Amino acid sequence: RNGTLSLFAALNTATGQVLGKTAARHTSEQFVAFLTDIVASQRERQEIHVICDNVSSHKTQRVRDFLVQHGNVRMHFTPTYSSWLNQVENWFSRIQRDVITRGV
């Protein structure tokens, strides 16, 4: 993809903190690795709600296995074509507008 990276990001709505991670591809393995990072950054047994789009890599057996092992993590999927409901998409938009478009 001409050097393009996938960017995984999570917004902590209570603190405004954004956790991010880049990957060469957007696979379920990379997504689970990111979920693992999110869990590790929170208090033990902290309830975590992940709102994400309907990309197939978010719905694999590997992800389901992760969710069974981490009962405090709940997945919520935005309706198709409604990614604007995902608050971290606003963060992506700002990166695009303020950084990438200007060539920084």
PDB file of N, CA and C in Angstrom:
ATOM      1  N   ARG A   1       0.820  -1.194   0.000  1.00  0.00           N
ATOM      2  CA  ARG A   1       0.000   0.000   0.000  1.00  0.00           C
ATOM      3  C   ARG A   1       0.857   1.249   0.000  1.00  0.00           C
ATOM      4  N   ASN A   2       1.942   1.206  -0.692  1.00  0.00           N
ATOM      5  CA  ASN A   2       2.811   2.372  -0.859  1.00  0.00           C
ATOM      6  C   ASN A   2       3.294   2.964   0.458  1.00  0.00           C
ATOM      7  N   GLY A   3       3.610   2.121   1.418  1.00  0.00           N
ATOM      8  CA  GLY A   3       4.148   2.583   2.693  1.00  0.00           C
ATOM      9  C   GLY A   3       3.119   3.058   3.695  1.00  0.00           C
ATOM     10  N   THR A   4       1.841   2.912   3.388  1.00  0.00           N
ATOM     11  CA  THR A   4       0.789   3.332   4.309  1.00  0.00           C
ATOM     12  C   THR A   4       0.720   2.374   5.487  1.00  0.00           C
ATOM     13  N   LEU A   5       0.566   2.924   6.678  1.00  0.00           N
ATOM     14  CA  LEU A   5       0.428   2.114   7.889  1.00  0.00           C
ATOM     15  C   LEU A   5      -1.009   2.159   8.371  1.00  0.00           C
ATOM     16  N   SER A   6      -1.408   1.116   9.056  1.00  0.00           N
ATOM     17  CA  SER A   6      -2.686   1.135   9.762  1.00  0.00           C
ATOM     18  C   SER A   6      -2.443   1.776  11.118  1.00  0.00           C
ATOM     19  N   LEU A   7      -3.377   2.600  11.543  1.00  0.00           N
ATOM     20  CA  LEU A   7      -3.276   3.237  12.839  1.00  0.00           C
ATOM     21  C   LEU A   7      -4.441   2.775  13.699  1.00  0.00           C
ATOM     22  N   PHE A   8      -4.099   2.135  14.806  1.00  0.00           N
ATOM     23  CA  PHE A   8      -5.101   1.744  15.792  1.00  0.00           C
ATOM     24  C   PHE A   8      -5.073   2.828  16.858  1.00  0.00           C
ATOM     25  N   ALA A   9      -6.245   3.273  17.284  1.00  0.00           N
ATOM     26  CA  ALA A   9      -6.282   4.297  18.322  1.00  0.00           C
ATOM     27  C   ALA A   9      -7.476   4.070  19.229  1.00  0.00           C
ATOM     28  N   ALA A  10      -7.275   4.383  20.501  1.00  0.00           N
ATOM     29  CA  ALA A  10      -8.343   4.275  21.490  1.00  0.00           C
ATOM     30  C   ALA A  10      -8.382   5.581  22.267  1.00  0.00           C
ATOM     31  N   LEU A  11      -9.585   6.103  22.427  1.00  0.00           N
ATOM     32  CA  LEU A  11      -9.788   7.339  23.176  1.00  0.00           C
ATOM     33  C   LEU A  11     -10.389   7.010  24.534  1.00  0.00           C
ATOM     34  N   ASN A  12      -9.710   7.416  25.585  1.00  0.00           N
ATOM     35  CA  ASN A  12     -10.262   7.280  26.922  1.00  0.00           C
ATOM     36  C   ASN A  12     -11.143   8.498  27.146  1.00  0.00           C
ATOM     37  N   THR A  13     -12.450   8.313  27.100  1.00  0.00           N
ATOM     38  CA  THR A  13     -13.366   9.449  27.178  1.00  0.00           C
ATOM     39  C   THR A  13     -13.346  10.127  28.538  1.00  0.00           C
ATOM     40  N   ALA A  14     -12.888   9.441  29.569  1.00  0.00           N
ATOM     41  CA  ALA A  14     -12.826  10.039  30.902  1.00  0.00           C
ATOM     42  C   ALA A  14     -11.649  10.998  31.035  1.00  0.00           C
ATOM     43  N   THR A  15     -10.536  10.702  30.353  1.00  0.00           N
ATOM     44  CA  THR A  15      -9.325  11.509  30.511  1.00  0.00           C
ATOM     45  C   THR A  15      -8.929  12.280  29.255  1.00  0.00           C
ATOM     46  N   GLY A  16      -9.462  11.877  28.102  1.00  0.00           N
ATOM     47  CA  GLY A  16      -9.059  12.490  26.840  1.00  0.00           C
ATOM     48  C   GLY A  16      -7.782  11.892  26.275  1.00  0.00           C
ATOM     49  N   GLN A  17      -7.185  10.943  26.972  1.00  0.00           N
ATOM     50  CA  GLN A  17      -5.949  10.310  26.510  1.00  0.00           C
ATOM     51  C   GLN A  17      -6.238   9.431  25.299  1.00  0.00           C
ATOM     52  N   VAL A  18      -5.346   9.495  24.316  1.00  0.00           N
ATOM     53  CA  VAL A  18      -5.450   8.640  23.144  1.00  0.00           C
ATOM     54  C   VAL A  18      -4.282   7.663  23.167  1.00  0.00           C
ATOM     55  N   LEU A  19      -4.601   6.385  23.083  1.00  0.00           N
ATOM     56  CA  LEU A  19      -3.578   5.344  22.971  1.00  0.00           C
ATOM     57  C   LEU A  19      -3.512   4.958  21.513  1.00  0.00           C
ATOM     58  N   GLY A  20      -2.328   4.931  20.952  1.00  0.00           N
ATOM     59  CA  GLY A  20      -2.207   4.613  19.544  1.00  0.00           C
ATOM     60  C   GLY A  20      -1.132   3.590  19.268  1.00  0.00           C
ATOM     61  N   LYS A  21      -1.283   2.929  18.127  1.00  0.00           N
ATOM     62  CA  LYS A  21      -0.306   1.923  17.708  1.00  0.00           C
ATOM     63  C   LYS A  21      -0.402   1.806  16.189  1.00  0.00           C
ATOM     64  N   THR A  22       0.735   1.722  15.529  1.00  0.00           N
ATOM     65  CA  THR A  22       0.735   1.518  14.088  1.00  0.00           C
ATOM     66  C   THR A  22       1.085   0.075  13.769  1.00  0.00           C
ATOM     67  N   ALA A  23       0.629  -0.361  12.613  1.00  0.00           N
ATOM     68  CA  ALA A  23       0.918  -1.720  12.151  1.00  0.00           C
ATOM     69  C   ALA A  23       1.001  -1.698  10.628  1.00  0.00           C
ATOM     70  N   ALA A  24       1.772  -2.611  10.089  1.00  0.00           N
ATOM     71  CA  ALA A  24       1.920  -2.685   8.632  1.00  0.00           C
ATOM     72  C   ALA A  24       0.611  -3.080   7.953  1.00  0.00           C
ATOM     73  N   ARG A  25      -0.203  -3.873   8.670  1.00  0.00           N
ATOM     74  CA  ARG A  25      -1.488  -4.330   8.121  1.00  0.00           C
ATOM     75  C   ARG A  25      -2.538  -4.276   9.205  1.00  0.00           C
ATOM     76  N   HIS A  26      -3.792  -4.281   8.792  1.00  0.00           N
ATOM     77  CA  HIS A  26      -4.903  -4.250   9.757  1.00  0.00           C
ATOM     78  C   HIS A  26      -5.478  -5.668   9.850  1.00  0.00           C
ATOM     79  N   THR A  27      -4.792  -6.512  10.596  1.00  0.00           N
ATOM     80  CA  THR A  27      -5.218  -7.902  10.746  1.00  0.00           C
ATOM     81  C   THR A  27      -5.807  -8.111  12.135  1.00  0.00           C
ATOM     82  N   SER A  28      -6.493  -9.225  12.309  1.00  0.00           N
ATOM     83  CA  SER A  28      -7.045  -9.517  13.639  1.00  0.00           C
ATOM     84  C   SER A  28      -5.923  -9.727  14.651  1.00  0.00           C
ATOM     85  N   GLU A  29      -4.798 -10.259  14.215  1.00  0.00           N
ATOM     86  CA  GLU A  29      -3.660 -10.449  15.116  1.00  0.00           C
ATOM     87  C   GLU A  29      -3.164  -9.095  15.633  1.00  0.00           C
ATOM     88  N   GLN A  30      -3.043  -8.134  14.734  1.00  0.00           N
ATOM     89  CA  GLN A  30      -2.612  -6.793  15.133  1.00  0.00           C
ATOM     90  C   GLN A  30      -3.663  -6.122  16.017  1.00  0.00           C
ATOM     91  N   PHE A  31      -4.939  -6.336  15.698  1.00  0.00           N
ATOM     92  CA  PHE A  31      -6.023  -5.753  16.487  1.00  0.00           C
ATOM     93  C   PHE A  31      -6.026  -6.321  17.904  1.00  0.00           C
ATOM     94  N   VAL A  32      -5.852  -7.624  18.039  1.00  0.00           N
ATOM     95  CA  VAL A  32      -5.798  -8.241  19.367  1.00  0.00           C
ATOM     96  C   VAL A  32      -4.576  -7.738  20.140  1.00  0.00           C
ATOM     97  N   ALA A  33      -3.464  -7.540  19.457  1.00  0.00           N
ATOM     98  CA  ALA A  33      -2.282  -6.986  20.127  1.00  0.00           C
ATOM     99  C   ALA A  33      -2.589  -5.593  20.661  1.00  0.00           C
ATOM    100  N   PHE A  34      -3.335  -4.814  19.891  1.00  0.00           N
ATOM    101  CA  PHE A  34      -3.720  -3.479  20.351  1.00  0.00           C
ATOM    102  C   PHE A  34      -4.685  -3.565  21.539  1.00  0.00           C
ATOM    103  N   LEU A  35      -5.658  -4.467  21.465  1.00  0.00           N
ATOM    104  CA  LEU A  35      -6.571  -4.653  22.595  1.00  0.00           C
ATOM    105  C   LEU A  35      -5.812  -5.052  23.852  1.00  0.00           C
ATOM    106  N   THR A  36      -4.796  -5.891  23.693  1.00  0.00           N
ATOM    107  CA  THR A  36      -3.959  -6.312  24.818  1.00  0.00           C
ATOM    108  C   THR A  36      -3.257  -5.105  25.439  1.00  0.00           C
ATOM    109  N   ASP A  37      -2.774  -4.190  24.593  1.00  0.00           N
ATOM    110  CA  ASP A  37      -2.139  -2.964  25.091  1.00  0.00           C
ATOM    111  C   ASP A  37      -3.134  -2.111  25.867  1.00  0.00           C
ATOM    112  N   ILE A  38      -4.368  -2.029  25.362  1.00  0.00           N
ATOM    113  CA  ILE A  38      -5.396  -1.243  26.052  1.00  0.00           C
ATOM    114  C   ILE A  38      -5.660  -1.833  27.435  1.00  0.00           C
ATOM    115  N   VAL A  39      -5.853  -3.139  27.492  1.00  0.00           N
ATOM    116  CA  VAL A  39      -6.120  -3.802  28.770  1.00  0.00           C
ATOM    117  C   VAL A  39      -4.967  -3.560  29.744  1.00  0.00           C
ATOM    118  N   ALA A  40      -3.736  -3.664  29.245  1.00  0.00           N
ATOM    119  CA  ALA A  40      -2.561  -3.484  30.104  1.00  0.00           C
ATOM    120  C   ALA A  40      -2.455  -2.054  30.631  1.00  0.00           C
ATOM    121  N   SER A  41      -3.020  -1.088  29.913  1.00  0.00           N
ATOM    122  CA  SER A  41      -2.906   0.315  30.331  1.00  0.00           C
ATOM    123  C   SER A  41      -3.960   0.718  31.356  1.00  0.00           C
ATOM    124  N   GLN A  42      -4.898  -0.161  31.650  1.00  0.00           N
ATOM    125  CA  GLN A  42      -6.001   0.155  32.565  1.00  0.00           C
ATOM    126  C   GLN A  42      -5.858  -0.630  33.866  1.00  0.00           C
ATOM    127  N   ARG A  43      -6.621  -0.187  34.868  1.00  0.00           N
ATOM    128  CA  ARG A  43      -6.642  -0.935  36.135  1.00  0.00           C
ATOM    129  C   ARG A  43      -7.164  -2.346  35.874  1.00  0.00           C
ATOM    130  N   GLU A  44      -6.706  -3.278  36.695  1.00  0.00           N
ATOM    131  CA  GLU A  44      -7.185  -4.654  36.574  1.00  0.00           C
ATOM    132  C   GLU A  44      -8.700  -4.680  36.739  1.00  0.00           C
ATOM    133  N   ARG A  45      -9.351  -5.404  35.868  1.00  0.00           N
ATOM    134  CA  ARG A  45     -10.810  -5.567  35.860  1.00  0.00           C
ATOM    135  C   ARG A  45     -11.587  -4.294  35.518  1.00  0.00           C
ATOM    136  N   GLN A  46     -10.878  -3.244  35.074  1.00  0.00           N
ATOM    137  CA  GLN A  46     -11.556  -2.019  34.631  1.00  0.00           C
ATOM    138  C   GLN A  46     -12.486  -2.374  33.476  1.00  0.00           C
ATOM    139  N   GLU A  47     -13.713  -1.917  33.527  1.00  0.00           N
ATOM    140  CA  GLU A  47     -14.645  -2.159  32.429  1.00  0.00           C
ATOM    141  C   GLU A  47     -14.193  -1.335  31.228  1.00  0.00           C
ATOM    142  N   ILE A  48     -14.028  -1.995  30.090  1.00  0.00           N
ATOM    143  CA  ILE A  48     -13.544  -1.344  28.873  1.00  0.00           C
ATOM    144  C   ILE A  48     -14.558  -1.577  27.769  1.00  0.00           C
ATOM    145  N   HIS A  49     -15.001  -0.491  27.155  1.00  0.00           N
ATOM    146  CA  HIS A  49     -15.930  -0.575  26.032  1.00  0.00           C
ATOM    147  C   HIS A  49     -15.188  -0.121  24.787  1.00  0.00           C
ATOM    148  N   VAL A  50     -15.156  -0.984  23.793  1.00  0.00           N
ATOM    149  CA  VAL A  50     -14.473  -0.690  22.535  1.00  0.00           C
ATOM    150  C   VAL A  50     -15.539  -0.475  21.468  1.00  0.00           C
ATOM    151  N   ILE A  51     -15.551   0.722  20.902  1.00  0.00           N
ATOM    152  CA  ILE A  51     -16.482   1.036  19.829  1.00  0.00           C
ATOM    153  C   ILE A  51     -15.672   1.053  18.547  1.00  0.00           C
ATOM    154  N   CYS A  52     -16.054   0.203  17.614  1.00  0.00           N
ATOM    155  CA  CYS A  52     -15.284   0.135  16.374  1.00  0.00           C
ATOM    156  C   CYS A  52     -16.206  -0.123  15.188  1.00  0.00           C
ATOM    157  N   ASP A  53     -15.619   0.012  14.026  1.00  0.00           N
ATOM    158  CA  ASP A  53     -16.401  -0.188  12.810  1.00  0.00           C
ATOM    159  C   ASP A  53     -16.523  -1.678  12.507  1.00  0.00           C
ATOM    160  N   ASN A  54     -17.149  -1.987  11.409  1.00  0.00           N
ATOM    161  CA  ASN A  54     -17.480  -3.376  11.075  1.00  0.00           C
ATOM    162  C   ASN A  54     -16.439  -4.066  10.186  1.00  0.00           C
ATOM    163  N   VAL A  55     -15.192  -3.673  10.295  1.00  0.00           N
ATOM    164  CA  VAL A  55     -14.133  -4.334   9.528  1.00  0.00           C
ATOM    165  C   VAL A  55     -14.049  -5.797   9.966  1.00  0.00           C
ATOM    166  N   SER A  56     -13.872  -6.692   9.016  1.00  0.00           N
ATOM    167  CA  SER A  56     -13.874  -8.129   9.326  1.00  0.00           C
ATOM    168  C   SER A  56     -12.801  -8.521  10.333  1.00  0.00           C
ATOM    169  N   SER A  57     -11.676  -7.807  10.375  1.00  0.00           N
ATOM    170  CA  SER A  57     -10.610  -8.163  11.325  1.00  0.00           C
ATOM    171  C   SER A  57     -11.019  -7.925  12.774  1.00  0.00           C
ATOM    172  N   HIS A  58     -12.125  -7.214  12.995  1.00  0.00           N
ATOM    173  CA  HIS A  58     -12.617  -6.986  14.354  1.00  0.00           C
ATOM    174  C   HIS A  58     -13.548  -8.094  14.828  1.00  0.00           C
ATOM    175  N   LYS A  59     -13.855  -9.056  13.946  1.00  0.00           N
ATOM    176  CA  LYS A  59     -14.878 -10.060  14.272  1.00  0.00           C
ATOM    177  C   LYS A  59     -14.400 -11.503  14.102  1.00  0.00           C
ATOM    178  N   THR A  60     -13.115 -11.733  14.121  1.00  0.00           N
ATOM    179  CA  THR A  60     -12.579 -13.076  13.891  1.00  0.00           C
ATOM    180  C   THR A  60     -12.637 -13.927  15.155  1.00  0.00           C
ATOM    181  N   GLN A  61     -12.353 -15.197  14.976  1.00  0.00           N
ATOM    182  CA  GLN A  61     -12.286 -16.120  16.116  1.00  0.00           C
ATOM    183  C   GLN A  61     -11.210 -15.679  17.100  1.00  0.00           C
ATOM    184  N   ARG A  62     -10.118 -15.166  16.598  1.00  0.00           N
ATOM    185  CA  ARG A  62      -9.033 -14.689  17.468  1.00  0.00           C
ATOM    186  C   ARG A  62      -9.546 -13.574  18.393  1.00  0.00           C
ATOM    187  N   VAL A  63     -10.355 -12.667  17.856  1.00  0.00           N
ATOM    188  CA  VAL A  63     -10.928 -11.591  18.663  1.00  0.00           C
ATOM    189  C   VAL A  63     -11.928 -12.161  19.658  1.00  0.00           C
ATOM    190  N   ARG A  64     -12.770 -13.078  19.213  1.00  0.00           N
ATOM    191  CA  ARG A  64     -13.739 -13.699  20.117  1.00  0.00           C
ATOM    192  C   ARG A  64     -13.042 -14.421  21.265  1.00  0.00           C
ATOM    193  N   ASP A  65     -11.949 -15.117  20.957  1.00  0.00           N
ATOM    194  CA  ASP A  65     -11.171 -15.801  22.003  1.00  0.00           C
ATOM    195  C   ASP A  65     -10.621 -14.786  23.013  1.00  0.00           C
ATOM    196  N   PHE A  66     -10.119 -13.665  22.512  1.00  0.00           N
ATOM    197  CA  PHE A  66      -9.607 -12.610  23.392  1.00  0.00           C
ATOM    198  C   PHE A  66     -10.711 -12.123  24.324  1.00  0.00           C
ATOM    199  N   LEU A  67     -11.900 -11.907  23.787  1.00  0.00           N
ATOM    200  CA  LEU A  67     -13.012 -11.400  24.585  1.00  0.00           C
ATOM    201  C   LEU A  67     -13.441 -12.399  25.651  1.00  0.00           C
ATOM    202  N   VAL A  68     -13.361 -13.683  25.360  1.00  0.00           N
ATOM    203  CA  VAL A  68     -13.684 -14.706  26.360  1.00  0.00           C
ATOM    204  C   VAL A  68     -12.672 -14.629  27.511  1.00  0.00           C
ATOM    205  N   GLN A  69     -11.415 -14.417  27.181  1.00  0.00           N
ATOM    206  CA  GLN A  69     -10.360 -14.342  28.197  1.00  0.00           C
ATOM    207  C   GLN A  69     -10.409 -13.037  28.992  1.00  0.00           C
ATOM    208  N   HIS A  70     -11.007 -11.996  28.416  1.00  0.00           N
ATOM    209  CA  HIS A  70     -11.058 -10.672  29.053  1.00  0.00           C
ATOM    210  C   HIS A  70     -12.518 -10.240  29.149  1.00  0.00           C
ATOM    211  N   GLY A  71     -13.210 -10.781  30.157  1.00  0.00           N
ATOM    212  CA  GLY A  71     -14.633 -10.524  30.322  1.00  0.00           C
ATOM    213  C   GLY A  71     -14.979  -9.072  30.613  1.00  0.00           C
ATOM    214  N   ASN A  72     -13.978  -8.264  30.954  1.00  0.00           N
ATOM    215  CA  ASN A  72     -14.214  -6.850  31.225  1.00  0.00           C
ATOM    216  C   ASN A  72     -14.205  -5.993  29.960  1.00  0.00           C
ATOM    217  N   VAL A  73     -13.907  -6.605  28.810  1.00  0.00           N
ATOM    218  CA  VAL A  73     -13.863  -5.876  27.539  1.00  0.00           C
ATOM    219  C   VAL A  73     -15.127  -6.178  26.755  1.00  0.00           C
ATOM    220  N   ARG A  74     -15.815  -5.133  26.344  1.00  0.00           N
ATOM    221  CA  ARG A  74     -17.041  -5.281  25.561  1.00  0.00           C
ATOM    222  C   ARG A  74     -16.873  -4.566  24.230  1.00  0.00           C
ATOM    223  N   MET A  75     -17.261  -5.233  23.177  1.00  0.00           N
ATOM    224  CA  MET A  75     -17.179  -4.648  21.835  1.00  0.00           C
ATOM    225  C   MET A  75     -18.544  -4.114  21.432  1.00  0.00           C
ATOM    226  N   HIS A  76     -18.533  -2.946  20.813  1.00  0.00           N
ATOM    227  CA  HIS A  76     -19.733  -2.336  20.252  1.00  0.00           C
ATOM    228  C   HIS A  76     -19.380  -1.910  18.828  1.00  0.00           C
ATOM    229  N   PHE A  77     -20.249  -2.206  17.899  1.00  0.00           N
ATOM    230  CA  PHE A  77     -19.967  -1.902  16.499  1.00  0.00           C
ATOM    231  C   PHE A  77     -20.883  -0.797  16.000  1.00  0.00           C
ATOM    232  N   THR A  78     -20.291   0.187  15.332  1.00  0.00           N
ATOM    233  CA  THR A  78     -21.097   1.250  14.739  1.00  0.00           C
ATOM    234  C   THR A  78     -21.824   0.688  13.525  1.00  0.00           C
ATOM    235  N   PRO A  79     -22.977   1.260  13.197  1.00  0.00           N
ATOM    236  CA  PRO A  79     -23.674   0.811  11.985  1.00  0.00           C
ATOM    237  C   PRO A  79     -22.797   1.070  10.751  1.00  0.00           C
ATOM    238  N   THR A  80     -22.980   0.274   9.733  1.00  0.00           N
ATOM    239  CA  THR A  80     -22.228   0.458   8.494  1.00  0.00           C
ATOM    240  C   THR A  80     -22.410   1.893   8.004  1.00  0.00           C
ATOM    241  N   TYR A  81     -21.331   2.488   7.530  1.00  0.00           N
ATOM    242  CA  TYR A  81     -21.291   3.862   7.021  1.00  0.00           C
ATOM    243  C   TYR A  81     -21.559   4.903   8.098  1.00  0.00           C
ATOM    244  N   SER A  82     -21.335   4.558   9.343  1.00  0.00           N
ATOM    245  CA  SER A  82     -21.560   5.510  10.427  1.00  0.00           C
ATOM    246  C   SER A  82     -20.319   5.672  11.296  1.00  0.00           C
ATOM    247  N   SER A  83     -19.143   5.622  10.702  1.00  0.00           N
ATOM    248  CA  SER A  83     -17.920   5.703  11.499  1.00  0.00           C
ATOM    249  C   SER A  83     -17.813   7.038  12.233  1.00  0.00           C
ATOM    250  N   TRP A  84     -18.541   8.060  11.787  1.00  0.00           N
ATOM    251  CA  TRP A  84     -18.493   9.351  12.468  1.00  0.00           C
ATOM    252  C   TRP A  84     -18.993   9.232  13.908  1.00  0.00           C
ATOM    253  N   LEU A  85     -19.730   8.155  14.227  1.00  0.00           N
ATOM    254  CA  LEU A  85     -20.179   7.940  15.597  1.00  0.00           C
ATOM    255  C   LEU A  85     -19.028   7.550  16.510  1.00  0.00           C
ATOM    256  N   ASN A  86     -17.961   7.047  15.919  1.00  0.00           N
ATOM    257  CA  ASN A  86     -16.797   6.607  16.659  1.00  0.00           C
ATOM    258  C   ASN A  86     -15.960   7.841  17.002  1.00  0.00           C
ATOM    259  N   GLN A  87     -15.878   8.201  18.288  1.00  0.00           N
ATOM    260  CA  GLN A  87     -15.233   9.447  18.691  1.00  0.00           C
ATOM    261  C   GLN A  87     -13.764   9.535  18.294  1.00  0.00           C
ATOM    262  N   VAL A  88     -13.086   8.402  18.232  1.00  0.00           N
ATOM    263  CA  VAL A  88     -11.675   8.479  17.853  1.00  0.00           C
ATOM    264  C   VAL A  88     -11.535   8.848  16.374  1.00  0.00           C
ATOM    265  N   GLU A  89     -12.601   8.667  15.583  1.00  0.00           N
ATOM    266  CA  GLU A  89     -12.571   9.112  14.190  1.00  0.00           C
ATOM    267  C   GLU A  89     -12.370  10.625  14.110  1.00  0.00           C
ATOM    268  N   ASN A  90     -12.890  11.364  15.097  1.00  0.00           N
ATOM    269  CA  ASN A  90     -12.654  12.809  15.128  1.00  0.00           C
ATOM    270  C   ASN A  90     -11.171  13.111  15.292  1.00  0.00           C
ATOM    271  N   TRP A  91     -10.498  12.292  16.090  1.00  0.00           N
ATOM    272  CA  TRP A  91      -9.056  12.447  16.279  1.00  0.00           C
ATOM    273  C   TRP A  91      -8.321  12.174  14.968  1.00  0.00           C
ATOM    274  N   PHE A  92      -8.726  11.087  14.266  1.00  0.00           N
ATOM    275  CA  PHE A  92      -8.136  10.790  12.955  1.00  0.00           C
ATOM    276  C   PHE A  92      -8.344  11.958  12.006  1.00  0.00           C
ATOM    277  N   SER A  93      -9.528  12.534  12.021  1.00  0.00           N
ATOM    278  CA  SER A  93      -9.846  13.657  11.141  1.00  0.00           C
ATOM    279  C   SER A  93      -8.920  14.839  11.414  1.00  0.00           C
ATOM    280  N   ARG A  94      -8.672  15.093  12.674  1.00  0.00           N
ATOM    281  CA  ARG A  94      -7.788  16.213  13.022  1.00  0.00           C
ATOM    282  C   ARG A  94      -6.357  15.949  12.562  1.00  0.00           C
ATOM    283  N   ILE A  95      -5.892  14.724  12.707  1.00  0.00           N
ATOM    284  CA  ILE A  95      -4.554  14.384  12.203  1.00  0.00           C
ATOM    285  C   ILE A  95      -4.502  14.628  10.698  1.00  0.00           C
ATOM    286  N   GLN A  96      -5.528  14.166   9.993  1.00  0.00           N
ATOM    287  CA  GLN A  96      -5.573  14.369   8.537  1.00  0.00           C
ATOM    288  C   GLN A  96      -5.547  15.849   8.186  1.00  0.00           C
ATOM    289  N   ARG A  97      -6.379  16.615   8.823  1.00  0.00           N
ATOM    290  CA  ARG A  97      -6.538  18.034   8.509  1.00  0.00           C
ATOM    291  C   ARG A  97      -5.328  18.846   8.917  1.00  0.00           C
ATOM    292  N   ASP A  98      -4.794  18.623  10.127  1.00  0.00           N
ATOM    293  CA  ASP A  98      -3.759  19.484  10.656  1.00  0.00           C
ATOM    294  C   ASP A  98      -2.326  19.026  10.403  1.00  0.00           C
ATOM    295  N   VAL A  99      -2.164  17.747  10.100  1.00  0.00           N
ATOM    296  CA  VAL A  99      -0.807  17.222   9.948  1.00  0.00           C
ATOM    297  C   VAL A  99      -0.550  16.660   8.558  1.00  0.00           C
ATOM    298  N   ILE A 100      -1.313  15.677   8.162  1.00  0.00           N
ATOM    299  CA  ILE A 100      -1.037  14.968   6.904  1.00  0.00           C
ATOM    300  C   ILE A 100      -1.254  15.875   5.700  1.00  0.00           C
ATOM    301  N   THR A 101      -2.386  16.570   5.662  1.00  0.00           N
ATOM    302  CA  THR A 101      -2.694  17.411   4.521  1.00  0.00           C
ATOM    303  C   THR A 101      -1.638  18.495   4.327  1.00  0.00           C
ATOM    304  N   ARG A 102      -1.082  18.972   5.418  1.00  0.00           N
ATOM    305  CA  ARG A 102      -0.057  20.024   5.333  1.00  0.00           C
ATOM    306  C   ARG A 102       1.329  19.442   5.072  1.00  0.00           C
ATOM    307  N   GLY A 103       1.436  18.128   5.012  1.00  0.00           N
ATOM    308  CA  GLY A 103       2.718  17.502   4.697  1.00  0.00           C
ATOM    309  C   GLY A 103       3.708  17.490   5.834  1.00  0.00           C
ATOM    310  N   VAL A 104       3.214  17.639   7.070  1.00  0.00           N
ATOM    311  CA  VAL A 104       4.104  17.648   8.233  1.00  0.00           C
ATOM    312  C   VAL A 104       4.527  16.217   8.559  1.00  0.00           C
TER     313      VAL A 104
END
